[in-house]
Amino acid sequence: MKKARPYAALRAIRLGAALGACFSACLTLSTCDLFKVGLGNKVDIDAPVLTFSSHAQNENVNEADFSLAGTVSEDTGLASLIISWSGGSMPATVSGGKWSAQVGPLVEDGRQVFTATATDKAGKSGVANLSLNVDRRAPSVLVSSPQGYGSGRPSQTSYIDIKGEVYDASTISRVEVELLDPSNAIVKTKTADGTNSWSVRFLLGDGPADDLAPLDGAVYRYDVKVTDAAGNVNAYYYHAQDFYAVLAADETFPAMSDIGKTDQAGS
């Protein structure tokens, strides 16, 4: 018959067993860093963030091929960054949080939307869009006064008036008219009043407000240069006489919008 152990002895045995279990557990966890707090490997929860930096929204461009650039932010690394537009796409070059890509050739003028899509290694994608106005055609220009050449030229009085109209898909930035002497040297350049409908007056006289001194028998030529918001400049212009010469007797003079659309269509 076993003799009952005293309560104090039994308590000591149980406490020793518990300490042994704790020591065993500590040995089992010895390969872990018990003093380092953390969540393990970094978890990717955010999609890439993109911007365009090379152009502003709704900016005008006048080229079929050009470069786009911007920034990209991604915490675990990119798998791809693609620039796409109507009719094409191009992978971007990425370095140091910045990207760039050559886009084009663009087939059509008008509003073009470019989309930058960045995909990270976890498969999440970020997108940014840029809208540009593509205009590669120079303004169409009509000189309505004087109407033509030769006998249609204005005579020298105390001023020379030149007037006209412009058609273009983009906003007109400025209209400049140059007076040239018989050797084609520029005598005077003035910015016209107005844009789509414009006029300019050259004052002849010896006063401080006059543009040039009147010379008996002097013959001046003029040139009209129109610049649109995309930077296109016309290489030629029409006189009203050019259209009167081909209009039938019962036809009316065409509107400037009809002249411009036909001119810019190349027909």
C-alpha atoms as a PDB file:
ATOM      1  CA  MET A   1       0.000   0.000   0.000  1.00  0.00           C
ATOM      2  CA  LYS A   2       1.426   3.292  -1.190  1.00  0.00           C
ATOM      3  CA  LYS A   3       1.898   5.928   1.351  1.00  0.00           C
ATOM      4  CA  ALA A   4       0.221   9.221   0.532  1.00  0.00           C
ATOM      5  CA  ARG A   5       2.608  11.993  -0.341  1.00  0.00           C
ATOM      6  CA  PRO A   6       2.396  15.182   1.581  1.00  0.00           C
ATOM      7  CA  TYR A   7       0.546  18.029  -0.219  1.00  0.00           C
ATOM      8  CA  ALA A   8       3.681  20.159  -0.387  1.00  0.00           C
ATOM      9  CA  ALA A   9       5.623  17.382  -2.114  1.00  0.00           C
ATOM     10  CA  LEU A  10       2.827  16.751  -4.640  1.00  0.00           C
ATOM     11  CA  ARG A  11       2.629  20.488  -5.451  1.00  0.00           C
ATOM     12  CA  ALA A  12       6.387  20.617  -6.031  1.00  0.00           C
ATOM     13  CA  ILE A  13       6.223  17.670  -8.458  1.00  0.00           C
ATOM     14  CA  ARG A  14       3.427  19.295 -10.460  1.00  0.00           C
ATOM     15  CA  LEU A  15       5.254  22.633 -10.578  1.00  0.00           C
ATOM     16  CA  GLY A  16       8.418  20.895 -11.746  1.00  0.00           C
ATOM     17  CA  ALA A  17       6.478  19.131 -14.516  1.00  0.00           C
ATOM     18  CA  ALA A  18       5.018  22.438 -15.674  1.00  0.00           C
ATOM     19  CA  LEU A  19       8.429  24.079 -15.756  1.00  0.00           C
ATOM     20  CA  GLY A  20       9.765  21.133 -17.706  1.00  0.00           C
ATOM     21  CA  ALA A  21       7.004  21.485 -20.267  1.00  0.00           C
ATOM     22  CA  CYS A  22       7.710  25.193 -20.564  1.00  0.00           C
ATOM     23  CA  PHE A  23      11.424  24.546 -20.998  1.00  0.00           C
ATOM     24  CA  SER A  24      10.650  21.954 -23.672  1.00  0.00           C
ATOM     25  CA  ALA A  25       8.405  24.428 -25.506  1.00  0.00           C
ATOM     26  CA  CYS A  26      11.102  27.083 -25.357  1.00  0.00           C
ATOM     27  CA  LEU A  27      13.617  24.621 -26.837  1.00  0.00           C
ATOM     28  CA  THR A  28      11.161  23.781 -29.608  1.00  0.00           C
ATOM     29  CA  LEU A  29      10.791  27.494 -30.513  1.00  0.00           C
ATOM     30  CA  SER A  30      14.493  28.216 -30.246  1.00  0.00           C
ATOM     31  CA  THR A  31      14.827  28.538 -34.027  1.00  0.00           C
ATOM     32  CA  CYS A  32      12.398  31.514 -33.973  1.00  0.00           C
ATOM     33  CA  ASP A  33      13.349  35.061 -33.058  1.00  0.00           C
ATOM     34  CA  LEU A  34      11.139  35.558 -30.056  1.00  0.00           C
ATOM     35  CA  PHE A  35      12.189  39.165 -29.682  1.00  0.00           C
ATOM     36  CA  LYS A  36      11.420  40.390 -33.248  1.00  0.00           C
ATOM     37  CA  VAL A  37       7.945  41.718 -33.970  1.00  0.00           C
ATOM     38  CA  GLY A  38       6.719  41.699 -37.648  1.00  0.00           C
ATOM     39  CA  LEU A  39       4.319  40.353 -40.244  1.00  0.00           C
ATOM     40  CA  GLY A  40       6.770  38.388 -42.381  1.00  0.00           C
ATOM     41  CA  ASN A  41       7.220  39.136 -46.097  1.00  0.00           C
ATOM     42  CA  LYS A  42       5.857  42.457 -47.431  1.00  0.00           C
ATOM     43  CA  VAL A  43       2.292  42.182 -48.654  1.00  0.00           C
ATOM     44  CA  ASP A  44       1.457  44.055 -51.923  1.00  0.00           C
ATOM     45  CA  ILE A  45      -1.948  45.670 -51.467  1.00  0.00           C
ATOM     46  CA  ASP A  46      -1.674  48.722 -53.785  1.00  0.00           C
ATOM     47  CA  ALA A  47      -1.865  48.939 -57.577  1.00  0.00           C
ATOM     48  CA  PRO A  48       0.762  51.003 -59.477  1.00  0.00           C
ATOM     49  CA  VAL A  49       0.156  54.762 -59.632  1.00  0.00           C
ATOM     50  CA  LEU A  50       0.878  56.560 -62.950  1.00  0.00           C
ATOM     51  CA  THR A  51       1.057  60.144 -64.217  1.00  0.00           C
ATOM     52  CA  PHE A  52       1.771  61.886 -67.542  1.00  0.00           C
ATOM     53  CA  SER A  53       4.375  64.663 -67.304  1.00  0.00           C
ATOM     54  CA  SER A  54       5.331  65.387 -70.930  1.00  0.00           C
ATOM     55  CA  HIS A  55       2.017  66.968 -71.985  1.00  0.00           C
ATOM     56  CA  ALA A  56      -0.927  68.691 -70.339  1.00  0.00           C
ATOM     57  CA  GLN A  57      -4.482  67.461 -70.821  1.00  0.00           C
ATOM     58  CA  ASN A  58      -5.992  68.649 -74.154  1.00  0.00           C
ATOM     59  CA  GLU A  59      -2.662  70.032 -75.368  1.00  0.00           C
ATOM     60  CA  ASN A  60      -2.197  70.527 -79.127  1.00  0.00           C
ATOM     61  CA  VAL A  61       0.424  68.564 -81.064  1.00  0.00           C
ATOM     62  CA  ASN A  62       1.275  68.718 -84.773  1.00  0.00           C
ATOM     63  CA  GLU A  63       3.317  65.548 -85.306  1.00  0.00           C
ATOM     64  CA  ALA A  64       2.427  61.991 -86.261  1.00  0.00           C
ATOM     65  CA  ASP A  65       5.212  60.575 -84.043  1.00  0.00           C
ATOM     66  CA  PHE A  66       6.231  62.025 -80.678  1.00  0.00           C
ATOM     67  CA  SER A  67       7.399  61.055 -77.190  1.00  0.00           C
ATOM     68  CA  LEU A  68       5.277  60.691 -74.077  1.00  0.00           C
ATOM     69  CA  ALA A  69       6.708  60.534 -70.564  1.00  0.00           C
ATOM     70  CA  GLY A  70       5.561  60.321 -66.975  1.00  0.00           C
ATOM     71  CA  THR A  71       6.092  58.813 -63.544  1.00  0.00           C
ATOM     72  CA  VAL A  72       5.162  55.471 -61.992  1.00  0.00           C
ATOM     73  CA  SER A  73       5.113  54.374 -58.343  1.00  0.00           C
ATOM     74  CA  GLU A  74       5.041  50.680 -57.359  1.00  0.00           C
ATOM     75  CA  ASP A  75       6.265  49.093 -54.111  1.00  0.00           C
ATOM     76  CA  THR A  76       7.089  45.540 -55.214  1.00  0.00           C
ATOM     77  CA  GLY A  77       8.202  45.908 -58.832  1.00  0.00           C
ATOM     78  CA  LEU A  78       6.611  46.219 -62.279  1.00  0.00           C
ATOM     79  CA  ALA A  79       5.859  43.438 -64.695  1.00  0.00           C
ATOM     80  CA  SER A  80       4.943  45.736 -67.612  1.00  0.00           C
ATOM     81  CA  LEU A  81       4.022  49.291 -68.613  1.00  0.00           C
ATOM     82  CA  ILE A  82       2.201  49.715 -71.938  1.00  0.00           C
ATOM     83  CA  ILE A  83       1.091  52.896 -73.738  1.00  0.00           C
ATOM     84  CA  SER A  84      -1.886  52.368 -76.045  1.00  0.00           C
ATOM     85  CA  TRP A  85      -3.962  54.541 -78.389  1.00  0.00           C
ATOM     86  CA  SER A  86      -6.415  54.093 -81.217  1.00  0.00           C
ATOM     87  CA  GLY A  87      -4.544  52.019 -83.758  1.00  0.00           C
ATOM     88  CA  GLY A  88      -1.444  51.089 -81.764  1.00  0.00           C
ATOM     89  CA  SER A  89       0.453  50.362 -78.558  1.00  0.00           C
ATOM     90  CA  MET A  90       4.048  50.550 -77.348  1.00  0.00           C
ATOM     91  CA  PRO A  91       5.917  49.241 -74.259  1.00  0.00           C
ATOM     92  CA  ALA A  92       7.455  52.044 -72.217  1.00  0.00           C
ATOM     93  CA  THR A  93      11.008  52.260 -70.923  1.00  0.00           C
ATOM     94  CA  VAL A  94      11.051  52.508 -67.113  1.00  0.00           C
ATOM     95  CA  SER A  95      13.913  53.755 -64.934  1.00  0.00           C
ATOM     96  CA  GLY A  96      14.026  55.320 -61.488  1.00  0.00           C
ATOM     97  CA  GLY A  97      10.285  55.822 -61.187  1.00  0.00           C
ATOM     98  CA  LYS A  98      10.033  57.493 -64.587  1.00  0.00           C
ATOM     99  CA  TRP A  99       8.816  56.137 -67.913  1.00  0.00           C
ATOM    100  CA  SER A 100       8.955  57.216 -71.565  1.00  0.00           C
ATOM    101  CA  ALA A 101       7.639  55.888 -74.876  1.00  0.00           C
ATOM    102  CA  GLN A 102       7.627  56.880 -78.534  1.00  0.00           C
ATOM    103  CA  VAL A 103       4.090  56.780 -79.936  1.00  0.00           C
ATOM    104  CA  GLY A 104       2.823  56.784 -83.513  1.00  0.00           C
ATOM    105  CA  PRO A 105       2.572  57.031 -86.375  1.00  0.00           C
ATOM    106  CA  LEU A 106      -0.920  58.423 -85.860  1.00  0.00           C
ATOM    107  CA  VAL A 107      -3.232  57.946 -88.816  1.00  0.00           C
ATOM    108  CA  GLU A 108      -5.849  60.597 -88.104  1.00  0.00           C
ATOM    109  CA  ASP A 109      -5.977  64.123 -86.761  1.00  0.00           C
ATOM    110  CA  GLY A 110      -8.386  65.118 -84.014  1.00  0.00           C
ATOM    111  CA  ARG A 111      -8.781  64.125 -80.384  1.00  0.00           C
ATOM    112  CA  GLN A 112      -6.585  61.182 -79.384  1.00  0.00           C
ATOM    113  CA  VAL A 113      -6.637  59.435 -75.993  1.00  0.00           C
ATOM    114  CA  PHE A 114      -3.433  57.745 -74.790  1.00  0.00           C
ATOM    115  CA  THR A 115      -3.691  55.160 -72.002  1.00  0.00           C
ATOM    116  CA  ALA A 116      -0.769  54.146 -69.787  1.00  0.00           C
ATOM    117  CA  THR A 117      -1.321  50.759 -68.084  1.00  0.00           C
ATOM    118  CA  ALA A 118       1.176  49.517 -65.474  1.00  0.00           C
ATOM    119  CA  THR A 119       0.914  45.954 -64.102  1.00  0.00           C
ATOM    120  CA  ASP A 120       2.868  44.853 -61.032  1.00  0.00           C
ATOM    121  CA  LYS A 121       4.285  41.396 -60.284  1.00  0.00           C
ATOM    122  CA  ALA A 122       1.223  40.552 -58.200  1.00  0.00           C
ATOM    123  CA  GLY A 123      -1.022  41.138 -61.218  1.00  0.00           C
ATOM    124  CA  LYS A 124      -2.595  44.416 -60.101  1.00  0.00           C
ATOM    125  CA  SER A 125      -2.883  47.218 -62.688  1.00  0.00           C
ATOM    126  CA  GLY A 126      -2.959  51.016 -62.549  1.00  0.00           C
ATOM    127  CA  VAL A 127      -4.176  53.218 -65.418  1.00  0.00           C
ATOM    128  CA  ALA A 128      -3.751  56.877 -66.454  1.00  0.00           C
ATOM    129  CA  ASN A 129      -5.243  58.626 -69.504  1.00  0.00           C
ATOM    130  CA  LEU A 130      -4.070  61.626 -71.525  1.00  0.00           C
ATOM    131  CA  SER A 131      -6.203  63.417 -74.138  1.00  0.00           C
ATOM    132  CA  LEU A 132      -4.391  65.364 -76.889  1.00  0.00           C
ATOM    133  CA  ASN A 133      -5.591  67.342 -79.909  1.00  0.00           C
ATOM    134  CA  VAL A 134      -3.617  66.197 -82.937  1.00  0.00           C
ATOM    135  CA  ASP A 135      -3.540  68.753 -85.773  1.00  0.00           C
ATOM    136  CA  ARG A 136      -0.975  68.351 -88.556  1.00  0.00           C
ATOM    137  CA  ARG A 137      -2.696  70.575 -91.143  1.00  0.00           C
ATOM    138  CA  ALA A 138      -1.808  74.209 -91.639  1.00  0.00           C
ATOM    139  CA  PRO A 139      -4.574  76.844 -91.621  1.00  0.00           C
ATOM    140  CA  SER A 140      -6.388  77.636 -94.878  1.00  0.00           C
ATOM    141  CA  VAL A 141      -6.140  81.365 -95.614  1.00  0.00           C
ATOM    142  CA  LEU A 142      -8.211  83.607 -97.908  1.00  0.00           C
ATOM    143  CA  VAL A 143      -7.373  87.241 -98.699  1.00  0.00           C
ATOM    144  CA  SER A 144     -10.690  88.921 -99.442  1.00  0.00           C
ATOM    145  CA  SER A 145      -9.324  92.448 -99.908  1.00  0.00           C
ATOM    146  CA  PRO A 146      -7.610  93.163-102.203  1.00  0.00           C
ATOM    147  CA  GLN A 147      -9.472  90.508-104.177  1.00  0.00           C
ATOM    148  CA  GLY A 148      -6.783  89.658-106.674  1.00  0.00           C
ATOM    149  CA  TYR A 149      -3.617  90.467-108.554  1.00  0.00           C
ATOM    150  CA  GLY A 150      -2.490  93.099-111.044  1.00  0.00           C
ATOM    151  CA  SER A 151      -5.301  95.612-111.483  1.00  0.00           C
ATOM    152  CA  GLY A 152      -6.829  94.306-108.274  1.00  0.00           C
ATOM    153  CA  ARG A 153      -3.965  95.662-106.202  1.00  0.00           C
ATOM    154  CA  PRO A 154      -4.721  98.657-103.998  1.00  0.00           C
ATOM    155  CA  SER A 155      -3.276 102.013-104.952  1.00  0.00           C
ATOM    156  CA  GLN A 156      -1.094 103.908-102.571  1.00  0.00           C
ATOM    157  CA  THR A 157      -3.052 106.542-100.682  1.00  0.00           C
ATOM    158  CA  SER A 158      -2.436 107.249 -97.022  1.00  0.00           C
ATOM    159  CA  TYR A 159      -2.814 103.609 -96.025  1.00  0.00           C
ATOM    160  CA  ILE A 160      -2.948 100.035 -97.320  1.00  0.00           C
ATOM    161  CA  ASP A 161      -5.745  97.779 -96.033  1.00  0.00           C
ATOM    162  CA  ILE A 162      -5.539  93.982 -96.253  1.00  0.00           C
ATOM    163  CA  LYS A 163      -8.348  91.722 -95.017  1.00  0.00           C
ATOM    164  CA  GLY A 164      -9.171  88.041 -95.006  1.00  0.00           C
ATOM    165  CA  GLU A 165     -10.488  84.892 -93.352  1.00  0.00           C
ATOM    166  CA  VAL A 166      -9.022  81.695 -91.914  1.00  0.00           C
ATOM    167  CA  TYR A 167     -10.279  78.132 -91.476  1.00  0.00           C
ATOM    168  CA  ASP A 168      -8.576  75.588 -89.218  1.00  0.00           C
ATOM    169  CA  ALA A 169      -9.442  72.714 -86.867  1.00  0.00           C
ATOM    170  CA  SER A 170      -7.412  74.339 -84.081  1.00  0.00           C
ATOM    171  CA  THR A 171      -7.668  77.761 -82.523  1.00  0.00           C
ATOM    172  CA  ILE A 172      -5.766  80.445 -84.445  1.00  0.00           C
ATOM    173  CA  SER A 173      -2.935  81.943 -82.394  1.00  0.00           C
ATOM    174  CA  ARG A 174      -1.984  84.900 -84.616  1.00  0.00           C
ATOM    175  CA  VAL A 175      -2.165  86.399 -88.092  1.00  0.00           C
ATOM    176  CA  GLU A 176       0.849  88.364 -89.327  1.00  0.00           C
ATOM    177  CA  VAL A 177       1.050  90.379 -92.558  1.00  0.00           C
ATOM    178  CA  GLU A 178       4.361  91.401 -94.108  1.00  0.00           C
ATOM    179  CA  LEU A 179       4.946  94.173 -96.644  1.00  0.00           C
ATOM    180  CA  LEU A 180       7.816  93.396 -99.010  1.00  0.00           C
ATOM    181  CA  ASP A 181       9.668  95.559-101.492  1.00  0.00           C
ATOM    182  CA  PRO A 182      10.385  94.480-105.116  1.00  0.00           C
ATOM    183  CA  SER A 183      13.489  92.587-103.932  1.00  0.00           C
ATOM    184  CA  ASN A 184      11.319  90.599-101.482  1.00  0.00           C
ATOM    185  CA  ALA A 185      12.929  92.265 -98.493  1.00  0.00           C
ATOM    186  CA  ILE A 186      10.518  92.705 -95.595  1.00  0.00           C
ATOM    187  CA  VAL A 187       9.710  96.381 -95.119  1.00  0.00           C
ATOM    188  CA  LYS A 188       7.191  96.070 -92.301  1.00  0.00           C
ATOM    189  CA  THR A 189       5.430  93.291 -90.348  1.00  0.00           C
ATOM    190  CA  LYS A 190       2.193  93.841 -88.423  1.00  0.00           C
ATOM    191  CA  THR A 191      -0.047  91.558 -86.380  1.00  0.00           C
ATOM    192  CA  ALA A 192      -3.571  91.677 -87.750  1.00  0.00           C
ATOM    193  CA  ASP A 193      -6.661  92.435 -85.720  1.00  0.00           C
ATOM    194  CA  GLY A 194      -8.744  89.280 -85.333  1.00  0.00           C
ATOM    195  CA  THR A 195      -7.955  85.682 -86.209  1.00  0.00           C
ATOM    196  CA  ASN A 196     -10.583  83.731 -88.190  1.00  0.00           C
ATOM    197  CA  SER A 197     -11.704  87.062 -89.641  1.00  0.00           C
ATOM    198  CA  TRP A 198      -8.802  89.475 -89.707  1.00  0.00           C
ATOM    199  CA  SER A 199      -7.681  92.852 -91.038  1.00  0.00           C
ATOM    200  CA  VAL A 200      -4.581  95.002 -90.948  1.00  0.00           C
ATOM    201  CA  ARG A 201      -3.853  98.589 -91.983  1.00  0.00           C
ATOM    202  CA  PHE A 202      -0.406  99.914 -92.923  1.00  0.00           C
ATOM    203  CA  LEU A 203      -0.212 103.702 -92.502  1.00  0.00           C
ATOM    204  CA  LEU A 204       1.820 105.633 -95.070  1.00  0.00           C
ATOM    205  CA  GLY A 205       3.363 108.895 -94.002  1.00  0.00           C
ATOM    206  CA  ASP A 206       6.231 110.634 -92.279  1.00  0.00           C
ATOM    207  CA  GLY A 207       4.703 110.804 -88.797  1.00  0.00           C
ATOM    208  CA  PRO A 208       5.790 108.786 -85.762  1.00  0.00           C
ATOM    209  CA  ALA A 209       2.655 106.642 -85.906  1.00  0.00           C
ATOM    210  CA  ASP A 210       3.087 105.808 -89.596  1.00  0.00           C
ATOM    211  CA  ASP A 211       4.395 102.423 -90.736  1.00  0.00           C
ATOM    212  CA  LEU A 212       6.446 103.575 -93.734  1.00  0.00           C
ATOM    213  CA  ALA A 213       7.076 106.639 -95.825  1.00  0.00           C
ATOM    214  CA  PRO A 214       5.055 106.938 -99.059  1.00  0.00           C
ATOM    215  CA  LEU A 215       7.202 106.661-102.165  1.00  0.00           C
ATOM    216  CA  ASP A 216       5.965 107.672-105.601  1.00  0.00           C
ATOM    217  CA  GLY A 217       5.726 104.679-107.871  1.00  0.00           C
ATOM    218  CA  ALA A 218       6.667 102.211-105.114  1.00  0.00           C
ATOM    219  CA  VAL A 219       5.228  98.722-105.506  1.00  0.00           C
ATOM    220  CA  TYR A 220       4.834  96.502-102.465  1.00  0.00           C
ATOM    221  CA  ARG A 221       4.010  92.837-102.202  1.00  0.00           C
ATOM    222  CA  TYR A 222       2.528  91.279 -99.120  1.00  0.00           C
ATOM    223  CA  ASP A 223       2.595  87.907 -97.437  1.00  0.00           C
ATOM    224  CA  VAL A 224       0.177  86.486 -94.866  1.00  0.00           C
ATOM    225  CA  LYS A 225       1.362  84.040 -92.228  1.00  0.00           C
ATOM    226  CA  VAL A 226      -1.185  82.366 -89.956  1.00  0.00           C
ATOM    227  CA  THR A 227      -0.148  80.206 -86.976  1.00  0.00           C
ATOM    228  CA  ASP A 228      -2.549  77.856 -85.205  1.00  0.00           C
ATOM    229  CA  ALA A 229      -2.437  76.589 -81.609  1.00  0.00           C
ATOM    230  CA  ALA A 230      -0.633  73.412 -82.694  1.00  0.00           C
ATOM    231  CA  GLY A 231       2.180  75.449 -84.283  1.00  0.00           C
ATOM    232  CA  ASN A 232       1.232  74.882 -87.939  1.00  0.00           C
ATOM    233  CA  VAL A 233       1.902  77.790 -90.344  1.00  0.00           C
ATOM    234  CA  ASN A 234       0.355  78.140 -93.809  1.00  0.00           C
ATOM    235  CA  ALA A 235       2.693  77.913 -96.808  1.00  0.00           C
ATOM    236  CA  TYR A 236       0.292  79.695 -99.220  1.00  0.00           C
ATOM    237  CA  TYR A 237      -2.978  81.619 -99.319  1.00  0.00           C
ATOM    238  CA  TYR A 238      -5.831  82.230-101.742  1.00  0.00           C
ATOM    239  CA  HIS A 239      -7.265  85.413-103.209  1.00  0.00           C
ATOM    240  CA  ALA A 240     -10.974  85.807-103.811  1.00  0.00           C
ATOM    241  CA  GLN A 241     -10.156  86.102-107.503  1.00  0.00           C
ATOM    242  CA  ASP A 242      -8.946  82.475-107.501  1.00  0.00           C
ATOM    243  CA  PHE A 243     -12.514  81.324-106.817  1.00  0.00           C
ATOM    244  CA  TYR A 244     -14.347  83.857-108.957  1.00  0.00           C
ATOM    245  CA  ALA A 245     -12.282  82.595-111.885  1.00  0.00           C
ATOM    246  CA  VAL A 246     -13.766  79.089-111.592  1.00  0.00           C
ATOM    247  CA  LEU A 247     -17.301  79.834-110.369  1.00  0.00           C
ATOM    248  CA  ALA A 248     -20.186  79.568-112.811  1.00  0.00           C
ATOM    249  CA  ALA A 249     -22.344  82.628-113.320  1.00  0.00           C
ATOM    250  CA  ASP A 250     -25.144  81.241-111.135  1.00  0.00           C
ATOM    251  CA  GLU A 251     -22.848  80.055-108.315  1.00  0.00           C
ATOM    252  CA  THR A 252     -22.348  82.007-105.107  1.00  0.00           C
ATOM    253  CA  PHE A 253     -19.002  82.564-103.460  1.00  0.00           C
ATOM    254  CA  PRO A 254     -18.273  79.617-101.107  1.00  0.00           C
ATOM    255  CA  ALA A 255     -18.187  79.991 -97.332  1.00  0.00           C
ATOM    256  CA  MET A 256     -14.752  79.963 -95.726  1.00  0.00           C
ATOM    257  CA  SER A 257     -15.557  76.706 -93.949  1.00  0.00           C
ATOM    258  CA  ASP A 258     -16.222  75.036 -97.333  1.00  0.00           C
ATOM    259  CA  ILE A 259     -13.007  76.465 -98.784  1.00  0.00           C
ATOM    260  CA  GLY A 260     -11.016  75.282 -95.775  1.00  0.00           C
ATOM    261  CA  LYS A 261     -12.437  71.768 -95.638  1.00  0.00           C
ATOM    262  CA  THR A 262     -11.814  71.262 -99.343  1.00  0.00           C
ATOM    263  CA  ASP A 263      -8.319  72.719 -99.086  1.00  0.00           C
ATOM    264  CA  GLN A 264      -7.327  70.597 -96.087  1.00  0.00           C
ATOM    265  CA  ALA A 265      -8.749  67.448 -97.646  1.00  0.00           C
ATOM    266  CA  GLY A 266      -6.304  68.015-100.499  1.00  0.00           C
ATOM    267  CA  SER A 267      -8.892  68.354-103.243  1.00  0.00           C
END
